[in-house]
Amino acid sequence: ATYLSVNPIFHARTKHVEVDYHFIRD
C-alpha cells in the first residue's frame, strides 16, 4: 500500500483499486 501511494505507474493487477489509488496518489 505504501509503494502504491508513490508509484506513478498504474499496474493492471491493481486495476480494482483504481479510484482509491488515484485519490491517494494525487
PDB file of all heavy atoms in Angstrom:
ATOM      1  N   ALA A   1       0.833  -1.201   0.000  1.00  0.00           N
ATOM      2  CA  ALA A   1       0.000   0.000   0.000  1.00  0.00           C
ATOM      3  C   ALA A   1       0.870   1.254   0.000  1.00  0.00           C
ATOM      4  O   ALA A   1       0.556   2.240  -0.674  1.00  0.00           O
ATOM      5  CB  ALA A   1      -0.937  -0.005   1.211  1.00  0.00           C
ATOM      6  N   THR A   2       1.981   1.214   0.717  1.00  0.00           N
ATOM      7  CA  THR A   2       2.901   2.351   0.754  1.00  0.00           C
ATOM      8  C   THR A   2       3.505   2.591  -0.623  1.00  0.00           C
ATOM      9  O   THR A   2       3.572   3.727  -1.090  1.00  0.00           O
ATOM     10  CB  THR A   2       4.008   2.104   1.794  1.00  0.00           C
ATOM     11  OG1 THR A   2       3.404   1.842   3.061  1.00  0.00           O
ATOM     12  CG2 THR A   2       4.925   3.298   1.918  1.00  0.00           C
ATOM     13  N   TYR A   3       3.937   1.526  -1.286  1.00  0.00           N
ATOM     14  CA  TYR A   3       4.512   1.663  -2.623  1.00  0.00           C
ATOM     15  C   TYR A   3       3.483   2.167  -3.625  1.00  0.00           C
ATOM     16  O   TYR A   3       3.798   2.959  -4.501  1.00  0.00           O
ATOM     17  CB  TYR A   3       5.099   0.344  -3.102  1.00  0.00           C
ATOM     18  CG  TYR A   3       6.321  -0.116  -2.341  1.00  0.00           C
ATOM     19  CD1 TYR A   3       6.658  -1.449  -2.280  1.00  0.00           C
ATOM     20  CD2 TYR A   3       7.141   0.787  -1.661  1.00  0.00           C
ATOM     21  CE1 TYR A   3       7.781  -1.886  -1.581  1.00  0.00           C
ATOM     22  CE2 TYR A   3       8.250   0.368  -0.962  1.00  0.00           C
ATOM     23  CZ  TYR A   3       8.568  -0.967  -0.924  1.00  0.00           C
ATOM     24  OH  TYR A   3       9.670  -1.392  -0.236  1.00  0.00           O
ATOM     25  N   LEU A   4       2.242   1.699  -3.528  1.00  0.00           N
ATOM     26  CA  LEU A   4       1.197   2.160  -4.448  1.00  0.00           C
ATOM     27  C   LEU A   4       0.973   3.662  -4.332  1.00  0.00           C
ATOM     28  O   LEU A   4       0.656   4.330  -5.313  1.00  0.00           O
ATOM     29  CB  LEU A   4      -0.124   1.445  -4.155  1.00  0.00           C
ATOM     30  CG  LEU A   4      -0.383   0.128  -4.854  1.00  0.00           C
ATOM     31  CD1 LEU A   4      -1.705  -0.463  -4.385  1.00  0.00           C
ATOM     32  CD2 LEU A   4      -0.371   0.275  -6.358  1.00  0.00           C
ATOM     33  N   SER A   5       1.121   4.201  -3.122  1.00  0.00           N
ATOM     34  CA  SER A   5       0.823   5.616  -2.911  1.00  0.00           C
ATOM     35  C   SER A   5       1.827   6.551  -3.577  1.00  0.00           C
ATOM     36  O   SER A   5       1.513   7.705  -3.829  1.00  0.00           O
ATOM     37  CB  SER A   5       0.747   5.930  -1.411  1.00  0.00           C
ATOM     38  OG  SER A   5       2.024   5.864  -0.824  1.00  0.00           O
ATOM     39  N   VAL A   6       3.017   6.061  -3.882  1.00  0.00           N
ATOM     40  CA  VAL A   6       4.037   6.917  -4.503  1.00  0.00           C
ATOM     41  C   VAL A   6       4.396   6.497  -5.924  1.00  0.00           C
ATOM     42  O   VAL A   6       5.128   7.201  -6.599  1.00  0.00           O
ATOM     43  CB  VAL A   6       5.334   6.969  -3.654  1.00  0.00           C
ATOM     44  CG1 VAL A   6       5.069   7.615  -2.324  1.00  0.00           C
ATOM     45  CG2 VAL A   6       5.936   5.587  -3.487  1.00  0.00           C
ATOM     46  N   ASN A   7       3.882   5.374  -6.390  1.00  0.00           N
ATOM     47  CA  ASN A   7       4.227   4.859  -7.703  1.00  0.00           C
ATOM     48  C   ASN A   7       3.340   5.501  -8.770  1.00  0.00           C
ATOM     49  O   ASN A   7       2.129   5.304  -8.768  1.00  0.00           O
ATOM     50  CB  ASN A   7       4.040   3.336  -7.721  1.00  0.00           C
ATOM     51  CG  ASN A   7       4.534   2.709  -9.001  1.00  0.00           C
ATOM     52  OD1 ASN A   7       4.900   3.403  -9.945  1.00  0.00           O
ATOM     53  ND2 ASN A   7       4.538   1.391  -9.031  1.00  0.00           N
ATOM     54  N   PRO A   8       3.906   6.271  -9.690  1.00  0.00           N
ATOM     55  CA  PRO A   8       3.090   6.924 -10.715  1.00  0.00           C
ATOM     56  C   PRO A   8       2.601   5.976 -11.807  1.00  0.00           C
ATOM     57  O   PRO A   8       1.767   6.335 -12.610  1.00  0.00           O
ATOM     58  CB  PRO A   8       4.031   7.982 -11.291  1.00  0.00           C
ATOM     59  CG  PRO A   8       5.383   7.432 -11.066  1.00  0.00           C
ATOM     60  CD  PRO A   8       5.312   6.636  -9.791  1.00  0.00           C
ATOM     61  N   ILE A   9       3.118   4.760 -11.843  1.00  0.00           N
ATOM     62  CA  ILE A   9       2.716   3.795 -12.864  1.00  0.00           C
ATOM     63  C   ILE A   9       1.632   2.901 -12.294  1.00  0.00           C
ATOM     64  O   ILE A   9       1.816   2.261 -11.261  1.00  0.00           O
ATOM     65  CB  ILE A   9       3.919   2.953 -13.332  1.00  0.00           C
ATOM     66  CG1 ILE A   9       5.003   3.859 -13.900  1.00  0.00           C
ATOM     67  CG2 ILE A   9       3.477   1.911 -14.346  1.00  0.00           C
ATOM     68  CD1 ILE A   9       6.302   3.157 -14.172  1.00  0.00           C
ATOM     69  N   PHE A  10       0.501   2.864 -12.984  1.00  0.00           N
ATOM     70  CA  PHE A  10      -0.631   2.064 -12.519  1.00  0.00           C
ATOM     71  C   PHE A  10      -0.549   0.678 -13.153  1.00  0.00           C
ATOM     72  O   PHE A  10      -0.482   0.542 -14.358  1.00  0.00           O
ATOM     73  CB  PHE A  10      -1.929   2.771 -12.902  1.00  0.00           C
ATOM     74  CG  PHE A  10      -3.118   2.191 -12.218  1.00  0.00           C
ATOM     75  CD1 PHE A  10      -3.258   2.310 -10.848  1.00  0.00           C
ATOM     76  CD2 PHE A  10      -4.086   1.532 -12.939  1.00  0.00           C
ATOM     77  CE1 PHE A  10      -4.355   1.785 -10.212  1.00  0.00           C
ATOM     78  CE2 PHE A  10      -5.188   0.999 -12.308  1.00  0.00           C
ATOM     79  CZ  PHE A  10      -5.319   1.128 -10.936  1.00  0.00           C
ATOM     80  N   HIS A  11      -0.545  -0.348 -12.341  1.00  0.00           N
ATOM     81  CA  HIS A  11      -0.393  -1.709 -12.829  1.00  0.00           C
ATOM     82  C   HIS A  11      -1.759  -2.357 -13.056  1.00  0.00           C
ATOM     83  O   HIS A  11      -2.702  -2.133 -12.307  1.00  0.00           O
ATOM     84  CB  HIS A  11       0.407  -2.538 -11.818  1.00  0.00           C
ATOM     85  CG  HIS A  11       1.783  -2.009 -11.608  1.00  0.00           C
ATOM     86  ND1 HIS A  11       2.794  -2.176 -12.522  1.00  0.00           N
ATOM     87  CD2 HIS A  11       2.312  -1.277 -10.604  1.00  0.00           C
ATOM     88  CE1 HIS A  11       3.892  -1.592 -12.085  1.00  0.00           C
ATOM     89  NE2 HIS A  11       3.634  -1.036 -10.916  1.00  0.00           N
ATOM     90  N   ALA A  12      -1.848  -3.192 -14.074  1.00  0.00           N
ATOM     91  CA  ALA A  12      -3.108  -3.860 -14.409  1.00  0.00           C
ATOM     92  C   ALA A  12      -3.592  -4.752 -13.263  1.00  0.00           C
ATOM     93  O   ALA A  12      -4.785  -4.891 -13.038  1.00  0.00           O
ATOM     94  CB  ALA A  12      -2.940  -4.684 -15.682  1.00  0.00           C
ATOM     95  N   ARG A  13      -2.683  -5.341 -12.502  1.00  0.00           N
ATOM     96  CA  ARG A  13      -3.109  -6.240 -11.428  1.00  0.00           C
ATOM     97  C   ARG A  13      -3.722  -5.487 -10.245  1.00  0.00           C
ATOM     98  O   ARG A  13      -4.266  -6.102  -9.338  1.00  0.00           O
ATOM     99  CB  ARG A  13      -1.951  -7.116 -10.987  1.00  0.00           C
ATOM    100  CG  ARG A  13      -0.805  -6.396 -10.337  1.00  0.00           C
ATOM    101  CD  ARG A  13       0.305  -7.381  -9.960  1.00  0.00           C
ATOM    102  NE  ARG A  13       1.474  -6.691  -9.466  1.00  0.00           N
ATOM    103  CZ  ARG A  13       2.476  -6.265 -10.204  1.00  0.00           C
ATOM    104  NH1 ARG A  13       2.456  -6.446 -11.501  1.00  0.00           N
ATOM    105  NH2 ARG A  13       3.500  -5.653  -9.657  1.00  0.00           N
ATOM    106  N   THR A  14      -3.623  -4.168 -10.231  1.00  0.00           N
ATOM    107  CA  THR A  14      -4.257  -3.380  -9.176  1.00  0.00           C
ATOM    108  C   THR A  14      -5.401  -2.526  -9.723  1.00  0.00           C
ATOM    109  O   THR A  14      -5.799  -1.559  -9.102  1.00  0.00           O
ATOM    110  CB  THR A  14      -3.223  -2.469  -8.480  1.00  0.00           C
ATOM    111  OG1 THR A  14      -2.626  -1.628  -9.469  1.00  0.00           O
ATOM    112  CG2 THR A  14      -2.173  -3.270  -7.752  1.00  0.00           C
ATOM    113  N   LYS A  15      -5.911  -2.902 -10.882  1.00  0.00           N
ATOM    114  CA  LYS A  15      -6.972  -2.122 -11.527  1.00  0.00           C
ATOM    115  C   LYS A  15      -8.199  -1.969 -10.634  1.00  0.00           C
ATOM    116  O   LYS A  15      -8.871  -0.943 -10.653  1.00  0.00           O
ATOM    117  CB  LYS A  15      -7.374  -2.791 -12.839  1.00  0.00           C
ATOM    118  CG  LYS A  15      -8.368  -2.017 -13.647  1.00  0.00           C
ATOM    119  CD  LYS A  15      -8.630  -2.711 -14.964  1.00  0.00           C
ATOM    120  CE  LYS A  15      -9.601  -1.927 -15.798  1.00  0.00           C
ATOM    121  NZ  LYS A  15      -9.868  -2.601 -17.062  1.00  0.00           N
ATOM    122  N   HIS A  16      -8.489  -2.956  -9.806  1.00  0.00           N
ATOM    123  CA  HIS A  16      -9.678  -2.923  -8.948  1.00  0.00           C
ATOM    124  C   HIS A  16      -9.572  -1.899  -7.822  1.00  0.00           C
ATOM    125  O   HIS A  16     -10.561  -1.618  -7.164  1.00  0.00           O
ATOM    126  CB  HIS A  16      -9.965  -4.317  -8.387  1.00  0.00           C
ATOM    127  CG  HIS A  16      -8.790  -4.939  -7.691  1.00  0.00           C
ATOM    128  ND1 HIS A  16      -7.714  -5.480  -8.379  1.00  0.00           N
ATOM    129  CD2 HIS A  16      -8.512  -5.073  -6.394  1.00  0.00           C
ATOM    130  CE1 HIS A  16      -6.840  -5.943  -7.515  1.00  0.00           C
ATOM    131  NE2 HIS A  16      -7.289  -5.701  -6.304  1.00  0.00           N
ATOM    132  N   VAL A  17      -8.416  -1.319  -7.577  1.00  0.00           N
ATOM    133  CA  VAL A  17      -8.285  -0.284  -6.549  1.00  0.00           C
ATOM    134  C   VAL A  17      -8.010   1.082  -7.174  1.00  0.00           C
ATOM    135  O   VAL A  17      -7.504   1.988  -6.524  1.00  0.00           O
ATOM    136  CB  VAL A  17      -7.183  -0.622  -5.513  1.00  0.00           C
ATOM    137  CG1 VAL A  17      -7.546  -1.821  -4.708  1.00  0.00           C
ATOM    138  CG2 VAL A  17      -5.836  -0.803  -6.164  1.00  0.00           C
ATOM    139  N   GLU A  18      -8.380   1.249  -8.425  1.00  0.00           N
ATOM    140  CA  GLU A  18      -8.019   2.440  -9.183  1.00  0.00           C
ATOM    141  C   GLU A  18      -8.515   3.742  -8.560  1.00  0.00           C
ATOM    142  O   GLU A  18      -7.781   4.729  -8.503  1.00  0.00           O
ATOM    143  CB  GLU A  18      -8.542   2.322 -10.611  1.00  0.00           C
ATOM    144  CG  GLU A  18      -8.103   3.445 -11.500  1.00  0.00           C
ATOM    145  CD  GLU A  18      -8.480   3.216 -12.951  1.00  0.00           C
ATOM    146  OE1 GLU A  18      -9.041   2.165 -13.277  1.00  0.00           O
ATOM    147  OE2 GLU A  18      -8.201   4.111 -13.743  1.00  0.00           O
ATOM    148  N   VAL A  19      -9.753   3.787  -8.102  1.00  0.00           N
ATOM    149  CA  VAL A  19     -10.293   5.044  -7.560  1.00  0.00           C
ATOM    150  C   VAL A  19      -9.512   5.469  -6.320  1.00  0.00           C
ATOM    151  O   VAL A  19      -9.062   6.613  -6.214  1.00  0.00           O
ATOM    152  CB  VAL A  19     -11.793   4.909  -7.248  1.00  0.00           C
ATOM    153  CG1 VAL A  19     -12.296   6.141  -6.514  1.00  0.00           C
ATOM    154  CG2 VAL A  19     -12.579   4.699  -8.526  1.00  0.00           C
ATOM    155  N   ASP A  20      -9.326   4.559  -5.372  1.00  0.00           N
ATOM    156  CA  ASP A  20      -8.559   4.889  -4.172  1.00  0.00           C
ATOM    157  C   ASP A  20      -7.112   5.202  -4.529  1.00  0.00           C
ATOM    158  O   ASP A  20      -6.488   6.068  -3.932  1.00  0.00           O
ATOM    159  CB  ASP A  20      -8.605   3.742  -3.162  1.00  0.00           C
ATOM    160  CG  ASP A  20      -9.956   3.626  -2.497  1.00  0.00           C
ATOM    161  OD1 ASP A  20     -10.686   4.640  -2.450  1.00  0.00           O
ATOM    162  OD2 ASP A  20     -10.288   2.534  -2.016  1.00  0.00           O
ATOM    163  N   TYR A  21      -6.579   4.492  -5.520  1.00  0.00           N
ATOM    164  CA  TYR A  21      -5.205   4.732  -5.945  1.00  0.00           C
ATOM    165  C   TYR A  21      -5.033   6.183  -6.388  1.00  0.00           C
ATOM    166  O   TYR A  21      -4.140   6.878  -5.922  1.00  0.00           O
ATOM    167  CB  TYR A  21      -4.832   3.787  -7.095  1.00  0.00           C
ATOM    168  CG  TYR A  21      -3.517   4.134  -7.735  1.00  0.00           C
ATOM    169  CD1 TYR A  21      -2.329   3.674  -7.183  1.00  0.00           C
ATOM    170  CD2 TYR A  21      -3.452   4.936  -8.857  1.00  0.00           C
ATOM    171  CE1 TYR A  21      -1.120   4.008  -7.741  1.00  0.00           C
ATOM    172  CE2 TYR A  21      -2.241   5.269  -9.426  1.00  0.00           C
ATOM    173  CZ  TYR A  21      -1.077   4.800  -8.869  1.00  0.00           C
ATOM    174  OH  TYR A  21       0.116   5.139  -9.425  1.00  0.00           O
ATOM    175  N   HIS A  22      -5.893   6.624  -7.282  1.00  0.00           N
ATOM    176  CA  HIS A  22      -5.757   7.985  -7.793  1.00  0.00           C
ATOM    177  C   HIS A  22      -6.027   9.023  -6.704  1.00  0.00           C
ATOM    178  O   HIS A  22      -5.393  10.070  -6.681  1.00  0.00           O
ATOM    179  CB  HIS A  22      -6.680   8.211  -8.991  1.00  0.00           C
ATOM    180  CG  HIS A  22      -6.203   7.502 -10.223  1.00  0.00           C
ATOM    181  ND1 HIS A  22      -5.012   7.801 -10.839  1.00  0.00           N
ATOM    182  CD2 HIS A  22      -6.747   6.496 -10.937  1.00  0.00           C
ATOM    183  CE1 HIS A  22      -4.845   7.021 -11.889  1.00  0.00           C
ATOM    184  NE2 HIS A  22      -5.885   6.215 -11.974  1.00  0.00           N
ATOM    185  N   PHE A  23      -6.953   8.734  -5.807  1.00  0.00           N
ATOM    186  CA  PHE A  23      -7.263   9.657  -4.713  1.00  0.00           C
ATOM    187  C   PHE A  23      -6.031   9.900  -3.849  1.00  0.00           C
ATOM    188  O   PHE A  23      -5.630  11.036  -3.604  1.00  0.00           O
ATOM    189  CB  PHE A  23      -8.416   9.089  -3.877  1.00  0.00           C
ATOM    190  CG  PHE A  23      -8.730   9.878  -2.649  1.00  0.00           C
ATOM    191  CD1 PHE A  23      -9.304  11.137  -2.736  1.00  0.00           C
ATOM    192  CD2 PHE A  23      -8.464   9.360  -1.389  1.00  0.00           C
ATOM    193  CE1 PHE A  23      -9.596  11.868  -1.601  1.00  0.00           C
ATOM    194  CE2 PHE A  23      -8.764  10.083  -0.252  1.00  0.00           C
ATOM    195  CZ  PHE A  23      -9.325  11.340  -0.362  1.00  0.00           C
ATOM    196  N   ILE A  24      -5.397   8.838  -3.391  1.00  0.00           N
ATOM    197  CA  ILE A  24      -4.217   8.978  -2.524  1.00  0.00           C
ATOM    198  C   ILE A  24      -3.018   9.473  -3.327  1.00  0.00           C
ATOM    199  O   ILE A  24      -2.293  10.364  -2.893  1.00  0.00           O
ATOM    200  CB  ILE A  24      -3.889   7.643  -1.834  1.00  0.00           C
ATOM    201  CG1 ILE A  24      -5.033   7.266  -0.888  1.00  0.00           C
ATOM    202  CG2 ILE A  24      -2.578   7.737  -1.074  1.00  0.00           C
ATOM    203  CD1 ILE A  24      -4.919   5.876  -0.331  1.00  0.00           C
ATOM    204  N   ARG A  25      -2.809   8.920  -4.520  1.00  0.00           N
ATOM    205  CA  ARG A  25      -1.659   9.300  -5.338  1.00  0.00           C
ATOM    206  C   ARG A  25      -1.670  10.795  -5.644  1.00  0.00           C
ATOM    207  O   ARG A  25      -0.634  11.452  -5.603  1.00  0.00           O
ATOM    208  CB  ARG A  25      -1.663   8.477  -6.638  1.00  0.00           C
ATOM    209  CG  ARG A  25      -0.581   8.844  -7.610  1.00  0.00           C
ATOM    210  CD  ARG A  25       0.794   8.409  -7.108  1.00  0.00           C
ATOM    211  NE  ARG A  25       1.801   8.934  -8.004  1.00  0.00           N
ATOM    212  CZ  ARG A  25       2.685   9.866  -7.687  1.00  0.00           C
ATOM    213  NH1 ARG A  25       2.707  10.362  -6.485  1.00  0.00           N
ATOM    214  NH2 ARG A  25       3.561  10.287  -8.556  1.00  0.00           N
ATOM    215  N   ASP A  26      -2.850  11.351  -5.936  1.00  0.00           N
ATOM    216  CA  ASP A  26      -2.946  12.786  -6.193  1.00  0.00           C
ATOM    217  C   ASP A  26      -2.543  13.601  -4.975  1.00  0.00           C
ATOM    218  O   ASP A  26      -1.878  14.628  -5.091  1.00  0.00           O
ATOM    219  CB  ASP A  26      -4.368  13.169  -6.606  1.00  0.00           C
ATOM    220  CG  ASP A  26      -4.715  12.721  -8.020  1.00  0.00           C
ATOM    221  OD1 ASP A  26      -3.790  12.291  -8.748  1.00  0.00           O
ATOM    222  OD2 ASP A  26      -5.899  12.793  -8.378  1.00  0.00           O
TER     223      ASP A  26
END
